[in-house]
Amino acid sequence: MLKIEDVKKIYKSNDKKIKGYFIEFNDGRKIHLTKRRTIIALLILIKYGEGTEADLAKGSSKIPEIKKTLSGKIPDEYIQDFYGDAN
């Protein structure tokens, strides 16, 4: 089972053939994401087992919790403090 505490690092791909971002875990597993906005949505799913747009909205406590857990493992600009409508 994936756990947010097991994230080793989150980074942008340097390979021109593979665009996007990777979430790398301590055991070597990697998840490839093409859009930066999807990083936080997936991290919420991993940590809480479910997620809604409300979890990404202003006032949600989930984003600050995840940012604190991943401090030093992800560039600050990869996760905003809150997100508007996904559309």
N, C-alpha and C. Protein backbone atom coordinates (compact mmCIF):
# COMPACT_ATOMS: atom_id res chain seq x y z
N MET A 1 0.84 -1.18 0.00
CA MET A 1 0.00 0.00 0.00
C MET A 1 0.89 1.25 0.00
N LEU A 2 0.51 2.21 -0.80
CA LEU A 2 1.25 3.46 -0.86
C LEU A 2 0.90 4.33 0.34
N LYS A 3 1.93 4.97 0.91
CA LYS A 3 1.72 5.92 2.00
C LYS A 3 2.45 7.20 1.67
N ILE A 4 1.86 8.31 2.01
CA ILE A 4 2.47 9.60 1.73
C ILE A 4 3.80 9.77 2.48
N GLU A 5 3.90 9.13 3.62
CA GLU A 5 5.14 9.20 4.40
C GLU A 5 6.29 8.49 3.69
N ASP A 6 5.97 7.62 2.75
CA ASP A 6 6.99 6.87 2.00
C ASP A 6 7.44 7.57 0.72
N VAL A 7 6.95 8.79 0.47
CA VAL A 7 7.39 9.53 -0.70
C VAL A 7 8.84 9.95 -0.49
N LYS A 8 9.68 9.61 -1.44
CA LYS A 8 11.09 9.98 -1.38
C LYS A 8 11.28 11.39 -1.94
N LYS A 9 10.68 11.64 -3.12
CA LYS A 9 10.76 12.96 -3.74
C LYS A 9 9.75 13.07 -4.86
N ILE A 10 9.44 14.30 -5.20
CA ILE A 10 8.56 14.60 -6.33
C ILE A 10 9.32 15.56 -7.21
N TYR A 11 9.39 15.24 -8.49
CA TYR A 11 10.23 16.03 -9.38
C TYR A 11 9.70 16.04 -10.81
N LYS A 12 10.17 17.01 -11.57
CA LYS A 12 9.81 17.14 -12.98
C LYS A 12 10.74 16.25 -13.80
N SER A 13 10.18 15.60 -14.81
CA SER A 13 10.96 14.73 -15.67
C SER A 13 11.98 15.54 -16.46
N ASN A 14 13.18 15.01 -16.57
CA ASN A 14 14.23 15.63 -17.39
C ASN A 14 14.29 15.00 -18.77
N ASP A 15 13.53 13.94 -18.97
CA ASP A 15 13.51 13.21 -20.24
C ASP A 15 12.54 13.89 -21.20
N LYS A 16 13.05 14.30 -22.35
CA LYS A 16 12.21 15.01 -23.33
C LYS A 16 11.11 14.11 -23.89
N LYS A 17 11.27 12.80 -23.81
CA LYS A 17 10.27 11.87 -24.32
C LYS A 17 9.14 11.63 -23.30
N ILE A 18 9.45 11.86 -22.02
CA ILE A 18 8.46 11.64 -20.95
C ILE A 18 8.23 12.98 -20.27
N LYS A 19 7.19 13.66 -20.67
CA LYS A 19 6.88 14.96 -20.09
C LYS A 19 6.07 14.78 -18.81
N GLY A 20 6.25 15.68 -17.89
CA GLY A 20 5.45 15.65 -16.68
C GLY A 20 6.28 15.52 -15.43
N TYR A 21 5.69 14.87 -14.43
CA TYR A 21 6.25 14.81 -13.09
C TYR A 21 6.24 13.37 -12.58
N PHE A 22 7.11 13.11 -11.62
CA PHE A 22 7.16 11.80 -10.99
C PHE A 22 7.05 11.95 -9.48
N ILE A 23 6.29 11.04 -8.89
CA ILE A 23 6.29 10.85 -7.45
C ILE A 23 7.07 9.56 -7.23
N GLU A 24 8.20 9.67 -6.56
CA GLU A 24 9.05 8.51 -6.32
C GLU A 24 8.97 8.12 -4.84
N PHE A 25 8.82 6.83 -4.60
CA PHE A 25 8.70 6.30 -3.25
C PHE A 25 10.01 5.68 -2.79
N ASN A 26 10.17 5.53 -1.50
CA ASN A 26 11.41 4.99 -0.92
C ASN A 26 11.77 3.61 -1.46
N ASP A 27 10.77 2.82 -1.86
CA ASP A 27 11.04 1.47 -2.37
C ASP A 27 11.33 1.45 -3.87
N GLY A 28 11.43 2.63 -4.49
CA GLY A 28 11.77 2.72 -5.92
C GLY A 28 10.57 2.84 -6.85
N ARG A 29 9.39 2.60 -6.34
CA ARG A 29 8.21 2.75 -7.20
C ARG A 29 8.04 4.21 -7.59
N LYS A 30 7.51 4.42 -8.81
CA LYS A 30 7.27 5.78 -9.30
C LYS A 30 5.90 5.87 -9.93
N ILE A 31 5.30 7.03 -9.77
CA ILE A 31 4.03 7.33 -10.43
C ILE A 31 4.30 8.51 -11.35
N HIS A 32 3.91 8.38 -12.61
CA HIS A 32 4.09 9.44 -13.59
C HIS A 32 2.78 10.22 -13.75
N LEU A 33 2.88 11.54 -13.68
CA LEU A 33 1.72 12.42 -13.86
C LEU A 33 2.07 13.44 -14.94
N THR A 34 1.12 13.73 -15.81
CA THR A 34 1.44 14.67 -16.89
C THR A 34 1.17 16.12 -16.53
N LYS A 35 0.30 16.36 -15.57
CA LYS A 35 -0.02 17.74 -15.20
C LYS A 35 0.29 17.98 -13.73
N ARG A 36 0.87 19.13 -13.46
CA ARG A 36 1.27 19.46 -12.09
C ARG A 36 0.08 19.51 -11.14
N ARG A 37 -1.07 19.98 -11.62
CA ARG A 37 -2.25 20.10 -10.77
C ARG A 37 -2.73 18.74 -10.24
N THR A 38 -2.40 17.69 -10.94
CA THR A 38 -2.85 16.36 -10.50
C THR A 38 -2.02 15.80 -9.36
N ILE A 39 -0.86 16.39 -9.10
CA ILE A 39 0.00 15.90 -8.01
C ILE A 39 -0.75 15.96 -6.69
N ILE A 40 -1.30 17.11 -6.34
CA ILE A 40 -1.98 17.25 -5.05
C ILE A 40 -3.21 16.36 -4.97
N ALA A 41 -3.95 16.23 -6.06
CA ALA A 41 -5.14 15.38 -6.05
C ALA A 41 -4.76 13.92 -5.75
N LEU A 42 -3.69 13.44 -6.37
CA LEU A 42 -3.26 12.08 -6.12
C LEU A 42 -2.72 11.91 -4.70
N LEU A 43 -1.99 12.90 -4.22
CA LEU A 43 -1.48 12.83 -2.85
C LEU A 43 -2.61 12.77 -1.82
N ILE A 44 -3.68 13.52 -2.07
CA ILE A 44 -4.85 13.46 -1.19
C ILE A 44 -5.47 12.06 -1.22
N LEU A 45 -5.58 11.48 -2.42
CA LEU A 45 -6.12 10.12 -2.52
C LEU A 45 -5.24 9.12 -1.77
N ILE A 46 -3.93 9.26 -1.91
CA ILE A 46 -3.03 8.34 -1.22
C ILE A 46 -3.16 8.49 0.30
N LYS A 47 -3.17 9.71 0.78
CA LYS A 47 -3.19 9.94 2.24
C LYS A 47 -4.54 9.60 2.87
N TYR A 48 -5.63 10.00 2.21
CA TYR A 48 -6.96 9.88 2.84
C TYR A 48 -7.85 8.79 2.24
N GLY A 49 -7.44 8.20 1.13
CA GLY A 49 -8.23 7.14 0.51
C GLY A 49 -9.38 7.63 -0.33
N GLU A 50 -9.63 8.92 -0.32
CA GLU A 50 -10.67 9.54 -1.12
C GLU A 50 -10.39 11.03 -1.20
N GLY A 51 -11.05 11.69 -2.14
CA GLY A 51 -10.86 13.12 -2.28
C GLY A 51 -11.97 13.76 -3.07
N THR A 52 -12.21 15.02 -2.79
CA THR A 52 -13.21 15.80 -3.51
C THR A 52 -12.61 17.16 -3.85
N GLU A 53 -13.33 17.92 -4.65
CA GLU A 53 -12.84 19.26 -4.97
C GLU A 53 -12.77 20.13 -3.72
N ALA A 54 -13.62 19.86 -2.75
CA ALA A 54 -13.60 20.62 -1.49
C ALA A 54 -12.25 20.46 -0.78
N ASP A 55 -11.59 19.32 -0.97
CA ASP A 55 -10.29 19.10 -0.36
C ASP A 55 -9.21 20.00 -0.95
N LEU A 56 -9.48 20.53 -2.14
CA LEU A 56 -8.52 21.40 -2.82
C LEU A 56 -8.88 22.88 -2.69
N ALA A 57 -10.03 23.16 -2.12
CA ALA A 57 -10.53 24.53 -2.03
C ALA A 57 -9.89 25.29 -0.87
N LYS A 58 -10.02 26.59 -0.94
CA LYS A 58 -9.51 27.47 0.11
C LYS A 58 -10.18 27.08 1.43
N GLY A 59 -9.40 27.01 2.49
CA GLY A 59 -9.93 26.67 3.80
C GLY A 59 -9.77 25.21 4.17
N SER A 60 -9.43 24.36 3.21
CA SER A 60 -9.23 22.95 3.51
C SER A 60 -7.94 22.77 4.29
N SER A 61 -7.95 21.89 5.26
CA SER A 61 -6.74 21.63 6.05
C SER A 61 -5.86 20.55 5.43
N LYS A 62 -6.35 19.89 4.40
CA LYS A 62 -5.61 18.76 3.82
C LYS A 62 -4.35 19.18 3.08
N ILE A 63 -4.42 20.26 2.32
CA ILE A 63 -3.23 20.71 1.57
C ILE A 63 -2.11 21.10 2.52
N PRO A 64 -2.37 21.93 3.55
CA PRO A 64 -1.27 22.26 4.48
C PRO A 64 -0.67 21.03 5.17
N GLU A 65 -1.49 20.04 5.50
CA GLU A 65 -1.00 18.82 6.13
C GLU A 65 -0.05 18.08 5.21
N ILE A 66 -0.44 17.97 3.95
CA ILE A 66 0.39 17.27 2.96
C ILE A 66 1.69 18.03 2.71
N LYS A 67 1.59 19.35 2.59
CA LYS A 67 2.79 20.16 2.37
C LYS A 67 3.76 20.01 3.54
N LYS A 68 3.25 19.95 4.75
CA LYS A 68 4.10 19.78 5.92
C LYS A 68 4.78 18.41 5.91
N THR A 69 4.01 17.38 5.60
CA THR A 69 4.55 16.02 5.55
C THR A 69 5.65 15.90 4.49
N LEU A 70 5.47 16.58 3.37
CA LEU A 70 6.41 16.46 2.26
C LEU A 70 7.46 17.56 2.21
N SER A 71 7.56 18.33 3.24
CA SER A 71 8.53 19.42 3.27
C SER A 71 9.94 18.90 2.95
N GLY A 72 10.58 19.53 1.98
CA GLY A 72 11.91 19.13 1.56
C GLY A 72 11.93 18.04 0.51
N LYS A 73 10.78 17.45 0.21
CA LYS A 73 10.70 16.38 -0.77
C LYS A 73 10.07 16.84 -2.08
N ILE A 74 9.55 18.06 -2.08
CA ILE A 74 8.86 18.58 -3.24
C ILE A 74 9.09 20.09 -3.30
N PRO A 75 9.35 20.62 -4.49
CA PRO A 75 9.48 22.08 -4.60
C PRO A 75 8.18 22.77 -4.18
N ASP A 76 8.29 23.85 -3.43
CA ASP A 76 7.11 24.56 -2.91
C ASP A 76 6.12 24.94 -4.01
N GLU A 77 6.60 25.30 -5.18
CA GLU A 77 5.70 25.76 -6.24
C GLU A 77 4.88 24.65 -6.88
N TYR A 78 5.16 23.40 -6.57
CA TYR A 78 4.39 22.30 -7.14
C TYR A 78 3.01 22.15 -6.52
N ILE A 79 2.82 22.66 -5.31
CA ILE A 79 1.51 22.58 -4.66
C ILE A 79 1.09 23.97 -4.22
N GLN A 80 -0.03 24.43 -4.75
CA GLN A 80 -0.58 25.72 -4.36
C GLN A 80 -1.25 25.59 -3.00
N ASP A 81 -1.56 26.71 -2.38
CA ASP A 81 -2.25 26.70 -1.08
C ASP A 81 -3.70 26.26 -1.22
N PHE A 82 -4.30 26.55 -2.36
CA PHE A 82 -5.66 26.08 -2.67
C PHE A 82 -5.85 26.17 -4.18
N TYR A 83 -6.90 25.49 -4.66
CA TYR A 83 -7.20 25.43 -6.08
C TYR A 83 -8.65 25.81 -6.32
N GLY A 84 -8.90 26.41 -7.47
CA GLY A 84 -10.27 26.75 -7.86
C GLY A 84 -10.90 25.56 -8.55
N ASP A 85 -11.93 25.82 -9.29
CA ASP A 85 -12.67 24.80 -10.03
C ASP A 85 -11.74 24.03 -10.96
N ALA A 86 -11.88 22.72 -10.96
CA ALA A 86 -11.04 21.86 -11.80
C ALA A 86 -11.31 22.05 -13.28
N ASN A 87 -12.48 22.59 -13.62
CA ASN A 87 -12.78 22.79 -15.03
C ASN A 87 -12.06 24.00 -15.50
